[in-house]
């Protein structure tokens, strides 16, 4: 991968990382700044359900942050854009769709087929 393309992906990943951190900060601020008291148990249950949903989303985002950091480390190592299974180049279209990917499309298809065959 040439330096210009790699710089593009670094910018994409950095922007996404900043967006995720911003959302996390908003969530923390929203959950710590409020002193809500609800006399109605149903309202309280709705609030708790909403918070649990948001926390599940943030946990998924936390995992994505780790993947972004790993992708940036692969850039430093010179292995970004290479399939970790077969060693071939991962297509630019695939990287544009999912810049944190570590598998080329063929290896990913095989992995998903194996998972379906095992019922995962």
C-alpha atoms as a PDB file:
ATOM      1  CA  UNK A   1       0.000   0.000   0.000  1.00  0.00           C
ATOM      2  CA  UNK A   2       1.405   3.382  -0.940  1.00  0.00           C
ATOM      3  CA  UNK A   3       1.956   6.157   1.606  1.00  0.00           C
ATOM      4  CA  UNK A   4      -0.867   8.322   0.248  1.00  0.00           C
ATOM      5  CA  UNK A   5      -3.461   5.560   0.598  1.00  0.00           C
ATOM      6  CA  UNK A   6      -2.166   4.666   4.022  1.00  0.00           C
ATOM      7  CA  UNK A   7      -2.422   8.327   5.082  1.00  0.00           C
ATOM      8  CA  UNK A   8      -6.055   8.351   3.895  1.00  0.00           C
ATOM      9  CA  UNK A   9      -6.872   5.331   6.045  1.00  0.00           C
ATOM     10  CA  UNK A  10      -5.021   6.798   9.009  1.00  0.00           C
ATOM     11  CA  UNK A  11      -7.152   9.923   8.694  1.00  0.00           C
ATOM     12  CA  UNK A  12     -10.347   7.852   8.452  1.00  0.00           C
ATOM     13  CA  UNK A  13      -9.405   5.790  11.501  1.00  0.00           C
ATOM     14  CA  UNK A  14      -8.330   8.827  13.519  1.00  0.00           C
ATOM     15  CA  UNK A  15     -11.566  10.649  12.732  1.00  0.00           C
ATOM     16  CA  UNK A  16     -13.628   7.611  13.738  1.00  0.00           C
ATOM     17  CA  UNK A  17     -11.621   7.203  16.946  1.00  0.00           C
ATOM     18  CA  UNK A  18     -12.258  10.839  17.871  1.00  0.00           C
ATOM     19  CA  UNK A  19     -15.991  10.409  17.191  1.00  0.00           C
ATOM     20  CA  UNK A  20     -16.123   7.354  19.452  1.00  0.00           C
ATOM     21  CA  UNK A  21     -14.303   9.151  22.268  1.00  0.00           C
ATOM     22  CA  UNK A  22     -16.657  12.112  21.931  1.00  0.00           C
ATOM     23  CA  UNK A  23     -19.706   9.856  22.198  1.00  0.00           C
ATOM     24  CA  UNK A  24     -18.230   8.107  25.228  1.00  0.00           C
ATOM     25  CA  UNK A  25     -17.657  11.446  26.946  1.00  0.00           C
ATOM     26  CA  UNK A  26     -21.247  12.491  26.267  1.00  0.00           C
ATOM     27  CA  UNK A  27     -22.524   9.239  27.734  1.00  0.00           C
ATOM     28  CA  UNK A  28     -20.446   9.572  30.884  1.00  0.00           C
ATOM     29  CA  UNK A  29     -21.483  13.197  31.320  1.00  0.00           C
ATOM     30  CA  UNK A  30     -25.136  12.346  30.761  1.00  0.00           C
ATOM     31  CA  UNK A  31     -25.102   9.552  33.303  1.00  0.00           C
ATOM     32  CA  UNK A  32     -23.184  11.372  36.020  1.00  0.00           C
ATOM     33  CA  UNK A  33     -24.741  14.826  35.785  1.00  0.00           C
ATOM     34  CA  UNK A  34     -28.350  13.799  36.210  1.00  0.00           C
ATOM     35  CA  UNK A  35     -30.033  13.412  39.537  1.00  0.00           C
ATOM     36  CA  UNK A  36     -33.304  12.005  38.370  1.00  0.00           C
ATOM     37  CA  UNK A  37     -35.845  10.719  40.811  1.00  0.00           C
ATOM     38  CA  UNK A  38     -38.898   9.015  39.509  1.00  0.00           C
ATOM     39  CA  UNK A  39     -41.792   8.305  41.833  1.00  0.00           C
ATOM     40  CA  UNK A  40     -43.275   6.011  39.188  1.00  0.00           C
ATOM     41  CA  UNK A  41     -41.463   2.628  38.999  1.00  0.00           C
ATOM     42  CA  UNK A  42     -42.371   2.329  35.317  1.00  0.00           C
ATOM     43  CA  UNK A  43     -40.564   5.566  34.477  1.00  0.00           C
ATOM     44  CA  UNK A  44     -37.545   4.405  36.449  1.00  0.00           C
ATOM     45  CA  UNK A  45     -37.567   1.058  34.633  1.00  0.00           C
ATOM     46  CA  UNK A  46     -37.707   2.824  31.271  1.00  0.00           C
ATOM     47  CA  UNK A  47     -34.727   4.973  32.223  1.00  0.00           C
ATOM     48  CA  UNK A  48     -32.750   1.914  33.325  1.00  0.00           C
ATOM     49  CA  UNK A  49     -33.639   0.061  30.145  1.00  0.00           C
ATOM     50  CA  UNK A  50     -32.506   3.021  28.034  1.00  0.00           C
ATOM     51  CA  UNK A  51     -29.249   3.268  29.974  1.00  0.00           C
ATOM     52  CA  UNK A  52     -28.567  -0.440  29.566  1.00  0.00           C
ATOM     53  CA  UNK A  53     -29.133  -0.111  25.833  1.00  0.00           C
ATOM     54  CA  UNK A  54     -26.722   2.837  25.618  1.00  0.00           C
ATOM     55  CA  UNK A  55     -24.120   0.972  27.672  1.00  0.00           C
ATOM     56  CA  UNK A  56     -24.357  -2.045  25.330  1.00  0.00           C
ATOM     57  CA  UNK A  57     -23.741   0.281  22.381  1.00  0.00           C
ATOM     58  CA  UNK A  58     -20.778   1.881  24.154  1.00  0.00           C
ATOM     59  CA  UNK A  59     -19.332  -1.562  24.894  1.00  0.00           C
ATOM     60  CA  UNK A  60     -19.468  -2.389  21.186  1.00  0.00           C
ATOM     61  CA  UNK A  61     -17.810   0.949  20.491  1.00  0.00           C
ATOM     62  CA  UNK A  62     -15.114   0.152  23.080  1.00  0.00           C
ATOM     63  CA  UNK A  63     -14.325  -3.020  21.141  1.00  0.00           C
ATOM     64  CA  UNK A  64     -14.209  -0.999  17.921  1.00  0.00           C
ATOM     65  CA  UNK A  65     -11.759   1.429  19.549  1.00  0.00           C
ATOM     66  CA  UNK A  66      -9.471  -1.505  20.311  1.00  0.00           C
ATOM     67  CA  UNK A  67      -9.728  -2.671  16.683  1.00  0.00           C
ATOM     68  CA  UNK A  68      -8.940   0.829  15.418  1.00  0.00           C
ATOM     69  CA  UNK A  69      -5.866   1.003  17.634  1.00  0.00           C
ATOM     70  CA  UNK A  70      -4.772  -2.414  16.359  1.00  0.00           C
ATOM     71  CA  UNK A  71      -5.254  -1.230  12.757  1.00  0.00           C
ATOM     72  CA  UNK A  72      -3.136   1.845  13.468  1.00  0.00           C
ATOM     73  CA  UNK A  73      -0.471  -0.401  14.969  1.00  0.00           C
ATOM     74  CA  UNK A  74      -0.552  -2.519  11.802  1.00  0.00           C
ATOM     75  CA  UNK A  75       0.104   0.697   9.858  1.00  0.00           C
ATOM     76  CA  UNK A  76       3.191   1.267  11.980  1.00  0.00           C
ATOM     77  CA  UNK A  77       4.278  -2.359  11.471  1.00  0.00           C
ATOM     78  CA  UNK A  78       3.691  -2.206   7.726  1.00  0.00           C
ATOM     79  CA  UNK A  79       1.096  -4.992   7.772  1.00  0.00           C
ATOM     80  CA  UNK A  80      -2.023  -2.847   7.324  1.00  0.00           C
ATOM     81  CA  UNK A  81      -4.025  -3.984   4.315  1.00  0.00           C
ATOM     82  CA  UNK A  82      -2.591  -7.505   4.312  1.00  0.00           C
ATOM     83  CA  UNK A  83      -4.758 -10.536   5.075  1.00  0.00           C
ATOM     84  CA  UNK A  84      -3.606 -12.221   8.273  1.00  0.00           C
ATOM     85  CA  UNK A  85      -4.555 -15.667   6.927  1.00  0.00           C
ATOM     86  CA  UNK A  86      -3.296 -15.799   3.338  1.00  0.00           C
ATOM     87  CA  UNK A  87      -1.036 -12.733   3.240  1.00  0.00           C
ATOM     88  CA  UNK A  88      -2.671 -11.277   0.121  1.00  0.00           C
ATOM     89  CA  UNK A  89      -3.656  -7.641  -0.177  1.00  0.00           C
ATOM     90  CA  UNK A  90      -7.069  -6.735   1.199  1.00  0.00           C
ATOM     91  CA  UNK A  91      -8.930  -4.841  -1.492  1.00  0.00           C
ATOM     92  CA  UNK A  92      -9.292  -1.081  -1.171  1.00  0.00           C
ATOM     93  CA  UNK A  93     -13.077  -1.369  -1.476  1.00  0.00           C
ATOM     94  CA  UNK A  94     -13.158  -3.760   1.486  1.00  0.00           C
ATOM     95  CA  UNK A  95     -10.879  -1.507   3.520  1.00  0.00           C
ATOM     96  CA  UNK A  96     -13.050   1.508   2.711  1.00  0.00           C
ATOM     97  CA  UNK A  97     -16.102  -0.395   3.963  1.00  0.00           C
ATOM     98  CA  UNK A  98     -14.335  -1.747   7.058  1.00  0.00           C
ATOM     99  CA  UNK A  99     -10.905  -0.221   7.663  1.00  0.00           C
ATOM    100  CA  UNK A 100     -10.249  -2.387  10.736  1.00  0.00           C
ATOM    101  CA  UNK A 101     -10.580  -5.655   8.840  1.00  0.00           C
ATOM    102  CA  UNK A 102      -7.763  -8.175   8.973  1.00  0.00           C
ATOM    103  CA  UNK A 103      -9.077 -10.633   6.381  1.00  0.00           C
ATOM    104  CA  UNK A 104      -9.439 -10.434   2.619  1.00  0.00           C
ATOM    105  CA  UNK A 105     -12.916 -11.093   1.279  1.00  0.00           C
ATOM    106  CA  UNK A 106     -12.188 -14.711   0.334  1.00  0.00           C
ATOM    107  CA  UNK A 107     -10.774 -15.620   3.741  1.00  0.00           C
ATOM    108  CA  UNK A 108     -13.703 -13.874   5.430  1.00  0.00           C
ATOM    109  CA  UNK A 109     -16.176 -15.839   3.287  1.00  0.00           C
ATOM    110  CA  UNK A 110     -14.460 -19.098   4.250  1.00  0.00           C
ATOM    111  CA  UNK A 111     -14.504 -18.108   7.931  1.00  0.00           C
ATOM    112  CA  UNK A 112     -18.220 -17.293   7.811  1.00  0.00           C
ATOM    113  CA  UNK A 113     -18.991 -20.539   5.951  1.00  0.00           C
ATOM    114  CA  UNK A 114     -17.128 -22.518   8.640  1.00  0.00           C
ATOM    115  CA  UNK A 115     -19.032 -20.691  11.377  1.00  0.00           C
ATOM    116  CA  UNK A 116     -22.370 -21.442   9.685  1.00  0.00           C
ATOM    117  CA  UNK A 117     -21.394 -25.094   9.255  1.00  0.00           C
ATOM    118  CA  UNK A 118     -20.588 -25.344  12.981  1.00  0.00           C
ATOM    119  CA  UNK A 119     -23.755 -23.490  13.911  1.00  0.00           C
ATOM    120  CA  UNK A 120     -22.051 -20.451  15.455  1.00  0.00           C
END
